[in-house]
Amino acid sequence: FGGMGSDDVKLRYAGDDPDSYANIFSGAKTDVTAADQARLIQALKVLGEGEDVESVLDMDQVLRYFVVHNFVVNGDSYTGSMVHNYYLYEEDGRLSMIPWDYNLAFGTFQTADASAAVNDPIDSPLSVTGDGDRPMADWIFGDAAYTALYHRCFQEFLETVDPAALIEEAYCLIAPYVERDPTKFCAYEEFETGVETLKTFCALRAESVSGQLAGTIPSTAEGQSAAGDALVETDGLILSAMGAMDMG
């Protein structure tokens, strides 16, 4: 979406006038009818009220979207300070999220703080405060039952996904081509360092999330501000080895 940080891109209900959602409808990838507009606006109204959200959300899809999204700490996104870079999908009045633009994930957007990225609190991720500013995420943390579902999905993710294996598989697939590519953006040695850094980040992130789910590490920003030694140590982890926001 365009209109970074605007109320409609935040998915906040702003009345029934379609003109209040110009960024959503002008950026649509399909033809939009008046009926389409009415359905989506009604869904945003229900979402903003925080009641009966099951009727307007593909809840399982949205929960799993935010599990992966929050694991990889993508600040250049709906949960980040700029509030953009996602696709909203609506079908029969129910909303879901489609991921897009993750090249600045793993804490590499607007930060060099490895500890903040690795320990990003799963119950108040990045810029999400729970005050209604990000309704697509706020509903998860506004109801204990929904938060429990989210935590169960996160635990399932940790138990079934092996980031190191996925990274190694991708590395083996592309490494020979990277080595021979005369137009690559970095030296081959830097590419290899980036791969190992990515593996390290994911291992530390999994350790932190596991602790947050178990209650040994605070899962909110407020709790972490007083956490002291509870956070996962990140000594030696250099986020810029995975890439940086330098527009180069």
Protein backbone atom coordinates (compact mmCIF):
# COMPACT_ATOMS: atom_id res chain seq x y z
CA PHE A 1 0.00 0.00 0.00
CA GLY A 2 0.92 3.62 -0.43
CA GLY A 3 0.08 6.13 2.27
CA MET A 4 2.63 4.86 4.78
CA GLY A 5 1.29 5.17 8.30
CA SER A 6 -2.14 6.41 7.23
CA ASP A 7 -5.20 5.22 9.13
CA ASP A 8 -6.51 3.14 6.24
CA VAL A 9 -3.17 1.39 5.73
CA LYS A 10 -3.14 0.72 9.48
CA LEU A 11 -6.55 -0.90 8.78
CA ARG A 12 -8.36 1.39 11.18
CA TYR A 13 -12.08 1.93 10.68
CA ALA A 14 -12.74 5.54 9.64
CA GLY A 15 -16.43 5.56 8.79
CA ASP A 16 -18.39 4.16 5.88
CA ASP A 17 -17.21 6.54 3.15
CA PRO A 18 -14.95 4.65 0.68
CA ASP A 19 -12.96 7.86 0.16
CA SER A 20 -11.61 7.40 3.69
CA TYR A 21 -9.80 4.30 2.42
CA ALA A 22 -8.22 5.78 -0.68
CA ASN A 23 -4.86 4.04 -0.23
CA ILE A 24 -6.51 0.64 0.04
CA PHE A 25 -8.83 0.95 -2.93
CA SER A 26 -6.49 2.89 -5.22
CA GLY A 27 -3.79 0.29 -4.63
CA ALA A 28 -6.03 -2.72 -5.19
CA LYS A 29 -4.64 -5.39 -7.53
CA THR A 30 -8.11 -6.34 -8.78
CA ASP A 31 -11.12 -4.37 -9.93
CA VAL A 32 -13.08 -3.09 -6.94
CA THR A 33 -16.87 -2.75 -6.92
CA ALA A 34 -19.05 -0.83 -4.51
CA ALA A 35 -20.03 -4.15 -2.94
CA ASP A 36 -16.35 -5.01 -2.45
CA GLN A 37 -15.78 -1.68 -0.73
CA ALA A 38 -18.78 -2.13 1.55
CA ARG A 39 -17.67 -5.63 2.61
CA LEU A 40 -14.14 -4.55 3.41
CA ILE A 41 -15.25 -1.45 5.32
CA GLN A 42 -17.69 -3.52 7.37
CA ALA A 43 -14.92 -6.00 8.14
CA LEU A 44 -12.65 -3.18 9.33
CA LYS A 45 -15.46 -1.84 11.52
CA VAL A 46 -15.93 -5.20 13.23
CA LEU A 47 -12.17 -5.65 13.54
CA GLY A 48 -11.80 -2.23 15.15
CA GLU A 49 -14.56 -2.96 17.65
CA GLY A 50 -12.66 -6.06 18.72
CA GLU A 51 -15.75 -8.23 19.08
CA ASP A 52 -16.77 -11.14 16.87
CA VAL A 53 -13.50 -10.84 14.95
CA GLU A 54 -13.86 -14.49 13.92
CA SER A 55 -16.59 -13.39 11.52
CA VAL A 56 -14.30 -11.04 9.59
CA LEU A 57 -10.91 -12.76 9.80
CA ASP A 58 -9.33 -15.93 8.53
CA MET A 59 -8.04 -16.29 12.07
CA ASP A 60 -5.75 -19.28 11.57
CA GLN A 61 -4.08 -17.67 8.56
CA VAL A 62 -3.62 -14.32 10.30
CA LEU A 63 -2.22 -15.94 13.45
CA ARG A 64 0.28 -17.96 11.45
CA TYR A 65 1.19 -14.91 9.38
CA PHE A 66 2.10 -12.99 12.53
CA VAL A 67 3.95 -15.95 14.05
CA VAL A 68 6.38 -16.10 11.14
CA HIS A 69 6.38 -12.32 10.67
CA ASN A 70 7.27 -11.70 14.31
CA PHE A 71 9.86 -14.47 14.38
CA VAL A 72 11.82 -12.84 11.54
CA VAL A 73 11.46 -9.34 13.07
CA ASN A 74 10.53 -7.47 9.91
CA GLY A 75 10.45 -3.79 10.85
CA ASP A 76 9.75 -2.62 7.30
CA SER A 77 6.14 -3.70 7.59
CA TYR A 78 2.68 -3.39 9.14
CA THR A 79 4.14 -3.86 12.62
CA GLY A 80 6.98 -1.40 12.05
CA SER A 81 7.14 2.34 12.44
CA MET A 82 6.30 3.08 8.79
CA VAL A 83 3.26 0.75 8.61
CA HIS A 84 3.33 -0.55 5.04
CA ASN A 85 4.58 -3.40 2.84
CA TYR A 86 1.89 -6.06 3.04
CA TYR A 87 -1.01 -7.31 0.97
CA LEU A 88 -4.50 -7.39 2.43
CA TYR A 89 -6.75 -10.10 1.02
CA GLU A 90 -10.53 -10.07 1.35
CA GLU A 91 -12.92 -12.83 0.36
CA ASP A 92 -16.57 -13.01 1.34
CA GLY A 93 -16.04 -10.37 3.99
CA ARG A 94 -13.13 -12.15 5.68
CA LEU A 95 -9.65 -10.67 5.79
CA SER A 96 -6.19 -12.20 5.72
CA MET A 97 -2.61 -10.99 5.20
CA ILE A 98 -0.17 -11.89 2.45
CA PRO A 99 3.55 -11.33 3.16
CA TRP A 100 5.60 -9.06 0.93
CA ASP A 101 8.99 -7.34 0.99
CA TYR A 102 11.10 -9.09 3.61
CA ASN A 103 14.55 -8.05 2.42
CA LEU A 104 15.04 -5.98 5.58
CA ALA A 105 13.84 -8.62 8.03
CA PHE A 106 15.92 -10.22 10.80
CA GLY A 107 16.28 -6.88 12.55
CA THR A 108 18.10 -5.14 9.71
CA PHE A 109 15.58 -2.29 9.28
CA GLN A 110 16.56 0.98 10.99
CA THR A 111 18.50 -0.71 13.76
CA ALA A 112 21.90 -2.11 14.60
CA ASP A 113 20.75 -3.38 17.99
CA ALA A 114 21.15 -7.14 17.82
CA SER A 115 19.77 -7.70 21.32
CA ALA A 116 16.60 -5.73 20.59
CA ALA A 117 16.02 -7.72 17.41
CA VAL A 118 16.76 -11.17 18.84
CA ASN A 119 14.64 -10.50 21.92
CA ASP A 120 11.87 -8.54 20.21
CA PRO A 121 8.83 -9.20 22.46
CA ILE A 122 6.33 -11.45 20.75
CA ASP A 123 3.35 -9.93 22.62
CA SER A 124 4.21 -6.33 21.73
CA PRO A 125 6.23 -6.76 18.54
CA LEU A 126 8.15 -3.80 17.15
CA SER A 127 5.79 -0.80 17.09
CA VAL A 128 2.60 -2.61 18.11
CA THR A 129 1.35 -1.14 21.40
CA GLY A 130 -2.08 -2.77 21.71
CA ASP A 131 -3.86 0.57 21.93
CA GLY A 132 -5.94 0.06 18.79
CA ASP A 133 -3.47 1.66 16.38
CA ARG A 134 -2.82 -1.67 14.58
CA PRO A 135 -6.15 -3.48 14.74
CA MET A 136 -5.02 -6.40 12.58
CA ALA A 137 -2.51 -7.29 15.28
CA ASP A 138 -4.13 -5.74 18.36
CA TRP A 139 -6.98 -8.27 18.47
CA ILE A 140 -4.46 -11.02 19.18
CA PHE A 141 -3.24 -9.33 22.35
CA GLY A 142 -6.55 -7.85 23.47
CA ASP A 143 -8.07 -11.20 24.44
CA ALA A 144 -6.36 -13.85 26.53
CA ALA A 145 -7.91 -16.67 24.50
CA TYR A 146 -6.59 -15.26 21.24
CA THR A 147 -3.16 -14.69 22.76
CA ALA A 148 -3.11 -18.31 23.88
CA LEU A 149 -3.92 -19.45 20.33
CA TYR A 150 -1.10 -17.28 19.01
CA HIS A 151 1.29 -18.76 21.54
CA ARG A 152 0.27 -22.29 20.57
CA CYS A 153 0.94 -21.48 16.92
CA PHE A 154 4.33 -20.04 17.86
CA GLN A 155 5.20 -23.18 19.83
CA GLU A 156 4.17 -25.33 16.87
CA PHE A 157 6.39 -23.22 14.62
CA LEU A 158 9.39 -23.71 16.91
CA GLU A 159 8.79 -27.45 17.05
CA THR A 160 8.26 -28.04 13.33
CA VAL A 161 10.41 -25.50 11.48
CA ASP A 162 14.20 -25.82 11.30
CA PRO A 163 15.52 -22.45 10.07
CA ALA A 164 19.11 -23.67 9.84
CA ALA A 165 18.11 -26.53 7.54
CA LEU A 166 16.07 -24.20 5.32
CA ILE A 167 18.95 -21.73 5.11
CA GLU A 168 21.45 -24.48 4.34
CA GLU A 169 19.19 -25.86 1.61
CA ALA A 170 18.91 -22.43 -0.02
CA TYR A 171 22.65 -21.84 0.40
CA CYS A 172 23.56 -25.09 -1.35
CA LEU A 173 21.18 -24.26 -4.17
CA ILE A 174 22.46 -20.77 -4.94
CA ALA A 175 26.07 -20.66 -3.66
CA PRO A 176 27.72 -21.82 -6.92
CA TYR A 177 25.83 -19.17 -8.87
CA VAL A 178 26.63 -16.44 -6.35
CA GLU A 179 30.32 -17.32 -6.55
CA ARG A 180 30.34 -16.99 -10.34
CA ASP A 181 28.05 -13.95 -10.57
CA PRO A 182 30.06 -10.91 -11.77
CA THR A 183 27.22 -8.57 -10.73
CA LYS A 184 26.76 -9.72 -7.12
CA PHE A 185 26.39 -7.01 -4.51
CA CYS A 186 29.14 -8.22 -2.21
CA ALA A 187 32.24 -10.40 -2.11
CA TYR A 188 31.58 -14.14 -1.98
CA GLU A 189 33.19 -14.28 1.46
CA GLU A 190 30.72 -11.66 2.67
CA PHE A 191 27.88 -13.75 1.28
CA GLU A 192 29.10 -16.76 3.27
CA THR A 193 29.40 -14.63 6.41
CA GLY A 194 25.87 -13.43 5.87
CA VAL A 195 24.58 -16.99 5.65
CA GLU A 196 26.26 -17.99 8.91
CA THR A 197 25.02 -14.80 10.60
CA LEU A 198 21.48 -15.57 9.46
CA LYS A 199 21.73 -19.04 10.99
CA THR A 200 23.03 -17.56 14.24
CA PHE A 201 20.28 -14.98 14.37
CA CYS A 202 17.58 -17.60 13.88
CA ALA A 203 19.05 -19.86 16.57
CA LEU A 204 19.19 -17.00 19.08
CA ARG A 205 15.74 -15.79 18.09
CA ALA A 206 14.32 -19.29 18.63
CA GLU A 207 15.98 -19.37 22.06
CA SER A 208 14.43 -16.02 22.99
CA VAL A 209 10.96 -16.88 21.70
CA SER A 210 11.07 -20.21 23.51
CA GLY A 211 11.92 -18.39 26.72
CA GLN A 212 9.14 -15.88 26.15
CA LEU A 213 6.61 -18.68 25.66
CA ALA A 214 7.87 -20.42 28.80
CA GLY A 215 7.74 -17.22 30.84
CA THR A 216 11.46 -17.04 31.62
CA ILE A 217 11.86 -14.03 29.33
CA PRO A 218 9.26 -11.22 29.33
CA SER A 219 7.14 -11.21 26.17
CA THR A 220 6.25 -7.50 26.24
CA ALA A 221 8.33 -4.37 25.79
CA GLU A 222 7.36 -3.17 29.26
CA GLY A 223 8.47 -6.42 30.83
CA GLN A 224 11.73 -6.52 28.94
CA SER A 225 12.65 -2.98 29.98
CA ALA A 226 13.18 -4.37 33.48
CA ALA A 227 14.33 -7.83 32.44
CA GLY A 228 18.02 -7.36 33.14
CA ASP A 229 19.93 -10.58 32.61
CA ALA A 230 16.87 -12.53 31.45
CA LEU A 231 17.34 -11.65 27.78
CA VAL A 232 19.29 -13.84 25.37
CA GLU A 233 22.85 -12.62 24.93
CA THR A 234 23.87 -11.57 21.42
CA ASP A 235 27.57 -10.80 21.84
CA GLY A 236 29.34 -11.00 18.48
CA LEU A 237 26.17 -10.92 16.39
CA ILE A 238 26.50 -8.19 13.74
CA LEU A 239 23.19 -7.62 11.98
CA SER A 240 24.73 -5.67 9.10
CA ALA A 241 26.52 -8.85 7.99
CA MET A 242 23.10 -9.95 6.67
CA GLY A 243 22.61 -6.71 4.77
CA ALA A 244 21.93 -3.11 5.63
CA MET A 245 19.51 -0.32 4.82
CA ASP A 246 22.00 1.75 2.84
CA MET A 247 20.04 2.09 -0.44
CA GLY A 248 23.11 0.79 -2.25
